[in-house]
Amino acid sequence: MTPGVLFFLCRLAHRSRRVARPLLAGAWLLPVLFLTQCSLMPARSLLPRLDRAAWSAADGKSLPYTRWPAVAEAGARPASPKAVLVCVHGLSGASSDFWPLGQELPKRGLAVYGMELRGQGMDPDVPARGDIRHRREWMRDLREFSGLVAAEHPGVPLFWLGESMGSLVALTTLADETHGESACPRGLILLSPAVDLREELPRWKGHVARVASRVVPWYRLPLARLDPAQVPDMRITSESTQASQAPLTPHLVPAHSLRLLREVDSLMRGSRAAAEKLDLPVLVLYTPNDPVASQRQIETWFATIGSPDKTSLLFPENFHLILHDRNRWQAVTDIGDWMLARARRIPATGPR
């Protein structure tokens, strides 16, 4: 029971004690009943399953995904590729964001899978959009989905690609989670990794946000409210801003819960420690025009990556969404070249 609910009930009691007393009694009994029910309910654990257009996680959550090339018939297996790429989108993103990779990489014998993050704009549970209880849910989904994809392509090298916030999810999963051999990627590709903030929030705003995320974690907040003077005008490609792109994005999440924003902040704050643990090939594509993290911040973070095989590619004309800006096809070509070169090598050992 949140303090806000209790405060509301107390105010109601002050105005009408006869009406409010049963409500107040219920207010204190509800948490007890809830905990009792939780203790009686068995933990739900299912086998993850990959269907033609959706997959089911171990907790029963069903989420759509996209794969290129598409399987023409239900139950049919795609032709054996040279390597497989699992893509993780960013905040308010979707698997469709990776269509440039899906359009070109299969021509080179590479299969591309785009997963949908729970709590984002393609989550079938509409009320859940904009919310996540803990970052571990994203990390567990990535691990389980990758295991299913690996089972579809036995013996084929697997790679992960994360864009923006998706970079943090993939990076942290590799650093903090134990993978089975079949689900451990051969390499990691990061696009515009959100490892820091170019424009720091005022200290008082950050403090208030962290406190509020504990008191009213479910409260939804549009990103523009964090900094109305900056966020709407943030240029995400050379021809579009956050505000101009919003009406054209069907999977846009208008507001995110404070606890989701807190989890993203935790991922960002832990990105340096996670980078130090990497011991597999890493490719980073970035730009000096990124409104999220500056070129200096990304290069400083890149220097901490522990892997001896790490490559960074700067796209000086692009903005945050590299795959949707100038030189996108060069970025796609670079990603394909890098994957094919490492697919022929001995598998990496994963994080130290």
Protein backbone atom coordinates (compact mmCIF):
# COMPACT_ATOMS: atom_id res chain seq x y z
CA MET A 1 0.00 0.00 0.00
CA THR A 2 1.63 3.25 -1.09
CA PRO A 3 1.83 6.35 1.14
CA GLY A 4 -0.33 8.20 -1.38
CA VAL A 5 -3.17 5.71 -0.97
CA LEU A 6 -2.94 5.82 2.82
CA PHE A 7 -2.90 9.61 2.75
CA PHE A 8 -6.05 9.60 0.60
CA LEU A 9 -7.82 7.25 3.02
CA CYS A 10 -6.81 9.33 6.01
CA ARG A 11 -8.18 12.46 4.37
CA LEU A 12 -11.38 10.59 3.67
CA ALA A 13 -11.57 9.53 7.32
CA HIS A 14 -11.24 13.14 8.43
CA ARG A 15 -14.23 14.11 6.29
CA SER A 16 -16.46 11.10 7.00
CA ARG A 17 -15.40 8.62 9.64
CA ARG A 18 -18.42 6.41 9.20
CA VAL A 19 -17.55 5.81 5.53
CA ALA A 20 -13.81 5.69 5.89
CA ARG A 21 -13.37 3.28 8.82
CA PRO A 22 -14.08 0.14 6.74
CA LEU A 23 -11.80 1.46 4.02
CA LEU A 24 -8.98 2.07 6.47
CA ALA A 25 -9.40 -1.41 7.91
CA GLY A 26 -9.26 -2.81 4.40
CA ALA A 27 -6.20 -0.72 3.63
CA TRP A 28 -4.24 -2.43 6.38
CA LEU A 29 -5.67 -5.89 5.65
CA LEU A 30 -5.00 -5.85 1.92
CA PRO A 31 -1.19 -6.11 2.19
CA VAL A 32 -1.58 -9.02 4.64
CA LEU A 33 -4.00 -10.82 2.34
CA PHE A 34 -1.76 -10.13 -0.65
CA LEU A 35 1.31 -11.56 1.06
CA THR A 36 -0.69 -14.57 2.24
CA GLN A 37 -1.88 -15.28 -1.29
CA CYS A 38 1.64 -14.90 -2.64
CA SER A 39 2.95 -17.41 -0.14
CA LEU A 40 0.28 -19.91 -1.15
CA MET A 41 0.68 -19.52 -4.90
CA PRO A 42 3.38 -21.73 -6.46
CA ALA A 43 6.01 -19.97 -8.52
CA ARG A 44 5.11 -20.21 -12.16
CA SER A 45 7.89 -21.61 -14.29
CA LEU A 46 7.37 -22.78 -17.85
CA LEU A 47 9.67 -23.86 -20.63
CA PRO A 48 10.43 -20.92 -22.97
CA ARG A 49 8.97 -21.54 -26.42
CA LEU A 50 9.59 -19.95 -29.81
CA ASP A 51 6.62 -19.80 -32.17
CA ARG A 52 6.35 -18.34 -35.64
CA ALA A 53 5.75 -14.71 -34.63
CA ALA A 54 5.91 -14.72 -30.82
CA TRP A 55 7.80 -16.39 -28.02
CA SER A 56 6.91 -17.31 -24.44
CA ALA A 57 9.23 -16.64 -21.52
CA ALA A 58 9.60 -18.91 -18.51
CA ASP A 59 7.29 -16.71 -16.46
CA GLY A 60 4.51 -17.12 -19.04
CA LYS A 61 4.96 -13.72 -20.67
CA SER A 62 4.32 -13.78 -24.43
CA LEU A 63 6.10 -11.26 -26.63
CA PRO A 64 6.29 -10.79 -30.38
CA TYR A 65 9.54 -10.75 -32.30
CA THR A 66 10.70 -10.19 -35.88
CA ARG A 67 13.09 -12.28 -37.94
CA TRP A 68 14.70 -11.75 -41.28
CA PRO A 69 14.40 -13.63 -43.53
CA ALA A 70 10.89 -14.52 -42.46
CA VAL A 71 9.87 -18.17 -42.32
CA ALA A 72 7.34 -18.74 -45.07
CA GLU A 73 5.51 -21.65 -43.46
CA ALA A 74 4.68 -22.44 -39.86
CA GLY A 75 7.09 -25.01 -38.47
CA ALA A 76 9.61 -24.52 -41.28
CA ARG A 77 13.21 -23.82 -40.36
CA PRO A 78 15.08 -21.03 -42.13
CA ALA A 79 18.06 -22.03 -44.23
CA SER A 80 21.23 -22.46 -42.19
CA PRO A 81 22.92 -19.03 -42.00
CA LYS A 82 26.58 -18.24 -41.51
CA ALA A 83 25.78 -16.37 -38.31
CA VAL A 84 22.77 -15.12 -36.35
CA LEU A 85 22.20 -11.66 -34.91
CA VAL A 86 19.83 -10.96 -31.99
CA CYS A 87 18.93 -7.25 -31.75
CA VAL A 88 17.75 -5.34 -28.65
CA HIS A 89 16.04 -1.99 -29.23
CA GLY A 90 16.19 1.16 -27.14
CA LEU A 91 13.72 3.11 -25.03
CA SER A 92 10.42 3.49 -26.91
CA GLY A 93 11.91 1.41 -29.71
CA ALA A 94 10.76 -1.77 -31.42
CA SER A 95 12.19 -4.67 -33.41
CA SER A 96 11.08 -2.90 -36.60
CA ASP A 97 13.85 -0.35 -35.95
CA PHE A 98 16.32 -2.92 -37.29
CA TRP A 99 14.79 -3.22 -40.75
CA PRO A 100 17.98 -1.95 -42.50
CA LEU A 101 19.86 -4.92 -41.01
CA GLY A 102 17.00 -7.27 -41.88
CA GLN A 103 16.90 -6.01 -45.44
CA GLU A 104 20.59 -6.41 -46.25
CA LEU A 105 22.30 -8.91 -43.94
CA PRO A 106 20.30 -11.97 -45.07
CA LYS A 107 21.68 -11.35 -48.57
CA ARG A 108 25.08 -12.12 -47.06
CA GLY A 109 23.91 -15.29 -45.32
CA LEU A 110 23.21 -13.69 -41.93
CA ALA A 111 19.93 -14.18 -40.04
CA VAL A 112 18.57 -11.27 -38.00
CA TYR A 113 16.18 -11.53 -35.03
CA GLY A 114 14.67 -8.46 -33.37
CA MET A 115 13.19 -9.00 -29.91
CA GLU A 116 10.58 -6.77 -28.28
CA LEU A 117 11.32 -5.63 -24.74
CA ARG A 118 8.55 -6.10 -22.21
CA GLY A 119 7.11 -2.82 -20.98
CA GLN A 120 7.74 -1.12 -24.31
CA GLY A 121 5.46 -0.13 -27.17
CA MET A 122 4.90 -3.59 -28.68
CA ASP A 123 4.15 -5.35 -25.41
CA PRO A 124 0.78 -7.13 -25.96
CA ASP A 125 -0.16 -6.19 -22.39
CA VAL A 126 -1.07 -2.58 -23.15
CA PRO A 127 -1.40 -1.41 -19.49
CA ALA A 128 2.14 -2.69 -18.88
CA ARG A 129 3.65 -0.45 -21.54
CA GLY A 130 5.99 2.06 -19.97
CA ASP A 131 6.69 -0.02 -16.88
CA ILE A 132 9.17 -2.64 -15.72
CA ARG A 133 9.62 -4.00 -12.22
CA HIS A 134 13.35 -4.64 -12.48
CA ARG A 135 16.04 -4.62 -15.16
CA ARG A 136 16.58 -8.33 -14.50
CA GLU A 137 13.36 -9.01 -16.43
CA TRP A 138 14.93 -7.57 -19.59
CA MET A 139 18.15 -9.44 -18.95
CA ARG A 140 16.34 -12.74 -18.37
CA ASP A 141 14.29 -12.23 -21.53
CA LEU A 142 17.42 -11.65 -23.61
CA ARG A 143 19.06 -14.77 -22.23
CA GLU A 144 15.98 -16.96 -22.77
CA PHE A 145 15.21 -15.58 -26.23
CA SER A 146 18.82 -16.07 -27.31
CA GLY A 147 18.69 -19.66 -26.12
CA LEU A 148 15.62 -20.29 -28.26
CA VAL A 149 17.22 -18.65 -31.29
CA ALA A 150 20.41 -20.67 -30.78
CA ALA A 151 18.34 -23.85 -30.68
CA GLU A 152 16.83 -22.87 -34.04
CA HIS A 153 20.33 -22.66 -35.53
CA PRO A 154 22.47 -25.31 -33.80
CA GLY A 155 26.18 -24.80 -34.26
CA VAL A 156 25.76 -21.36 -35.89
CA PRO A 157 27.66 -18.43 -34.29
CA LEU A 158 25.38 -16.08 -32.35
CA PHE A 159 25.91 -12.33 -31.95
CA TRP A 160 24.09 -9.67 -29.95
CA LEU A 161 23.38 -6.11 -31.06
CA GLY A 162 22.01 -3.41 -28.76
CA GLU A 163 20.93 0.10 -29.67
CA SER A 164 20.98 2.93 -27.13
CA MET A 165 19.29 1.55 -23.98
CA GLY A 166 19.37 -1.89 -25.61
CA SER A 167 23.16 -1.62 -25.52
CA LEU A 168 22.98 -1.35 -21.74
CA VAL A 169 20.68 -4.37 -21.49
CA ALA A 170 22.99 -6.54 -23.63
CA LEU A 171 26.14 -5.26 -21.92
CA THR A 172 24.84 -5.83 -18.40
CA THR A 173 23.44 -9.26 -19.25
CA LEU A 174 26.83 -10.38 -20.50
CA ALA A 175 28.62 -9.01 -17.44
CA ASP A 176 26.22 -10.18 -14.74
CA GLU A 177 24.48 -13.31 -15.98
CA THR A 178 25.77 -16.85 -16.52
CA HIS A 179 25.00 -18.15 -19.98
CA GLY A 180 24.72 -21.66 -21.27
CA GLU A 181 27.23 -22.39 -24.01
CA SER A 182 24.57 -22.35 -26.72
CA ALA A 183 23.23 -18.92 -25.73
CA CYS A 184 26.52 -17.11 -25.14
CA PRO A 185 27.16 -14.73 -28.05
CA ARG A 186 30.30 -14.85 -30.16
CA GLY A 187 30.45 -11.05 -30.14
CA LEU A 188 28.70 -7.87 -29.06
CA ILE A 189 27.71 -4.91 -31.29
CA LEU A 190 26.63 -1.62 -29.70
CA LEU A 191 25.01 1.29 -31.54
CA SER A 192 25.05 4.71 -29.85
CA PRO A 193 25.51 3.12 -26.41
CA ALA A 194 23.80 5.22 -23.73
CA VAL A 195 26.66 4.88 -21.27
CA ASP A 196 26.41 8.44 -19.94
CA LEU A 197 24.40 11.65 -20.23
CA ARG A 198 25.74 14.56 -22.25
CA GLU A 199 23.44 16.90 -20.33
CA GLU A 200 23.26 15.99 -16.66
CA LEU A 201 20.00 16.64 -14.89
CA PRO A 202 20.21 19.26 -12.14
CA ARG A 203 21.27 17.53 -8.95
CA TRP A 204 18.07 18.38 -7.15
CA LYS A 205 15.98 16.88 -9.96
CA GLY A 206 17.97 13.67 -9.85
CA HIS A 207 17.58 13.43 -6.09
CA VAL A 208 13.84 14.08 -6.25
CA ALA A 209 13.44 11.52 -9.05
CA ARG A 210 15.29 8.81 -7.10
CA VAL A 211 13.23 9.42 -3.96
CA ALA A 212 9.99 9.53 -5.95
CA SER A 213 10.87 6.25 -7.70
CA ARG A 214 10.81 4.55 -4.29
CA VAL A 215 7.70 6.28 -2.97
CA VAL A 216 5.50 6.17 -6.09
CA PRO A 217 7.35 3.77 -8.45
CA TRP A 218 4.27 3.29 -10.63
CA TYR A 219 3.91 7.00 -11.44
CA ARG A 220 4.27 7.62 -15.21
CA LEU A 221 6.36 10.54 -16.39
CA PRO A 222 6.88 11.75 -20.00
CA LEU A 223 10.58 12.13 -20.74
CA ALA A 224 10.00 15.71 -21.86
CA ARG A 225 8.96 16.57 -18.30
CA LEU A 226 12.48 15.83 -17.07
CA ASP A 227 13.85 18.69 -19.15
CA PRO A 228 11.19 20.54 -21.20
CA ALA A 229 13.78 22.91 -22.63
CA GLN A 230 15.97 20.16 -24.09
CA VAL A 231 14.20 16.84 -24.73
CA PRO A 232 11.65 17.84 -27.43
CA ASP A 233 14.36 19.51 -29.53
CA MET A 234 16.87 16.66 -29.22
CA ARG A 235 18.00 15.77 -32.74
CA ILE A 236 17.88 12.00 -33.21
CA THR A 237 18.74 12.02 -36.95
CA SER A 238 20.11 14.73 -39.19
CA GLU A 239 16.55 15.49 -40.32
CA SER A 240 14.35 14.82 -37.28
CA THR A 241 13.97 15.72 -33.63
CA GLN A 242 12.36 13.88 -30.76
CA ALA A 243 9.22 16.00 -31.10
CA SER A 244 8.94 15.72 -34.90
CA GLN A 245 9.45 11.94 -34.90
CA ALA A 246 6.99 11.17 -32.10
CA PRO A 247 3.78 11.37 -34.21
CA LEU A 248 5.36 9.03 -36.79
CA THR A 249 6.28 6.33 -34.27
CA PRO A 250 3.38 3.92 -33.62
CA HIS A 251 5.26 2.12 -30.84
CA LEU A 252 6.10 5.31 -28.96
CA VAL A 253 5.54 5.02 -25.20
CA PRO A 254 4.17 8.41 -24.08
CA ALA A 255 5.26 8.06 -20.44
CA HIS A 256 7.43 5.70 -18.41
CA SER A 257 7.14 4.71 -14.78
CA LEU A 258 9.62 6.14 -12.33
CA ARG A 259 10.88 2.67 -11.48
CA LEU A 260 11.60 1.95 -15.17
CA LEU A 261 13.58 5.18 -15.41
CA ARG A 262 15.38 4.21 -12.20
CA GLU A 263 16.35 0.85 -13.72
CA VAL A 264 17.66 2.55 -16.87
CA ASP A 265 19.70 4.88 -14.66
CA SER A 266 21.13 1.85 -12.83
CA LEU A 267 22.09 0.22 -16.13
CA MET A 268 23.84 3.41 -17.21
CA ARG A 269 25.69 3.82 -13.92
CA GLY A 270 26.92 0.22 -14.09
CA SER A 271 28.07 0.37 -17.72
CA ARG A 272 31.72 1.05 -16.90
CA ALA A 273 32.03 -1.88 -14.50
CA ALA A 274 30.24 -4.11 -17.01
CA ALA A 275 32.61 -3.05 -19.81
CA GLU A 276 35.63 -4.01 -17.74
CA LYS A 277 34.35 -7.61 -17.53
CA LEU A 278 33.93 -8.13 -21.27
CA ASP A 279 36.17 -10.75 -22.80
CA LEU A 280 34.63 -11.25 -26.23
CA PRO A 281 34.83 -9.25 -29.48
CA VAL A 282 33.08 -5.87 -29.26
CA LEU A 283 32.12 -3.45 -32.03
CA VAL A 284 30.89 0.06 -31.13
CA LEU A 285 29.31 2.45 -33.65
CA TYR A 286 28.95 6.00 -32.38
CA THR A 287 28.68 9.63 -33.44
CA PRO A 288 29.87 13.02 -32.15
CA ASN A 289 26.32 14.36 -32.59
CA ASP A 290 24.61 11.99 -30.17
CA PRO A 291 22.35 14.02 -27.83
CA VAL A 292 22.49 11.29 -25.18
CA ALA A 293 26.21 10.61 -24.67
CA SER A 294 29.00 12.77 -26.05
CA GLN A 295 31.87 11.51 -28.20
CA ARG A 296 34.30 12.01 -25.31
CA GLN A 297 32.07 10.10 -22.89
CA ILE A 298 31.71 7.13 -25.24
CA GLU A 299 35.43 7.05 -26.04
CA THR A 300 36.32 7.21 -22.33
CA TRP A 301 33.93 4.34 -21.66
CA PHE A 302 35.25 2.38 -24.68
CA ALA A 303 38.77 2.52 -23.24
CA THR A 304 37.56 0.54 -20.19
CA ILE A 305 36.35 -2.47 -22.24
CA GLY A 306 38.36 -5.46 -21.09
CA SER A 307 38.32 -7.39 -24.36
CA PRO A 308 41.52 -7.37 -26.45
CA ASP A 309 39.34 -7.51 -29.59
CA LYS A 310 37.43 -4.23 -29.60
CA THR A 311 36.67 -1.93 -32.52
CA SER A 312 35.07 1.51 -32.61
CA LEU A 313 33.67 3.20 -35.72
CA LEU A 314 32.83 6.90 -35.73
CA PHE A 315 30.05 8.21 -38.01
CA PRO A 316 30.66 11.98 -38.01
CA GLU A 317 27.56 12.90 -40.04
CA ASN A 318 25.05 10.80 -38.12
CA PHE A 319 23.03 11.43 -34.99
CA HIS A 320 21.68 9.01 -32.35
CA LEU A 321 19.75 6.66 -34.66
CA ILE A 322 22.65 5.58 -36.86
CA LEU A 323 20.61 2.97 -38.75
CA HIS A 324 18.07 5.64 -39.76
CA ASP A 325 20.42 8.44 -40.75
CA ARG A 326 23.03 9.24 -43.36
CA ASN A 327 25.51 6.47 -44.14
CA ARG A 328 23.13 3.85 -42.71
CA TRP A 329 24.10 1.39 -45.43
CA GLN A 330 27.77 1.84 -44.63
CA ALA A 331 26.95 1.01 -41.01
CA VAL A 332 25.05 -2.10 -42.12
CA THR A 333 27.99 -3.18 -44.31
CA ASP A 334 30.47 -2.63 -41.46
CA ILE A 335 28.35 -4.71 -39.10
CA GLY A 336 28.08 -7.54 -41.64
CA ASP A 337 31.83 -7.51 -42.36
CA TRP A 338 32.67 -7.58 -38.65
CA MET A 339 30.27 -10.45 -37.93
CA LEU A 340 31.49 -12.60 -40.82
CA ALA A 341 35.13 -12.08 -39.84
CA ARG A 342 34.49 -13.23 -36.26
CA ALA A 343 32.08 -16.01 -37.15
CA ARG A 344 35.05 -17.85 -38.63
CA ARG A 345 37.12 -17.55 -35.47
CA ILE A 346 37.29 -19.68 -32.35
CA PRO A 347 34.36 -18.86 -30.00
CA ALA A 348 35.05 -16.28 -27.33
CA THR A 349 34.91 -17.26 -23.67
CA GLY A 350 32.36 -14.63 -22.58
CA PRO A 351 32.76 -12.37 -19.55
CA ARG A 352 35.55 -12.93 -17.09
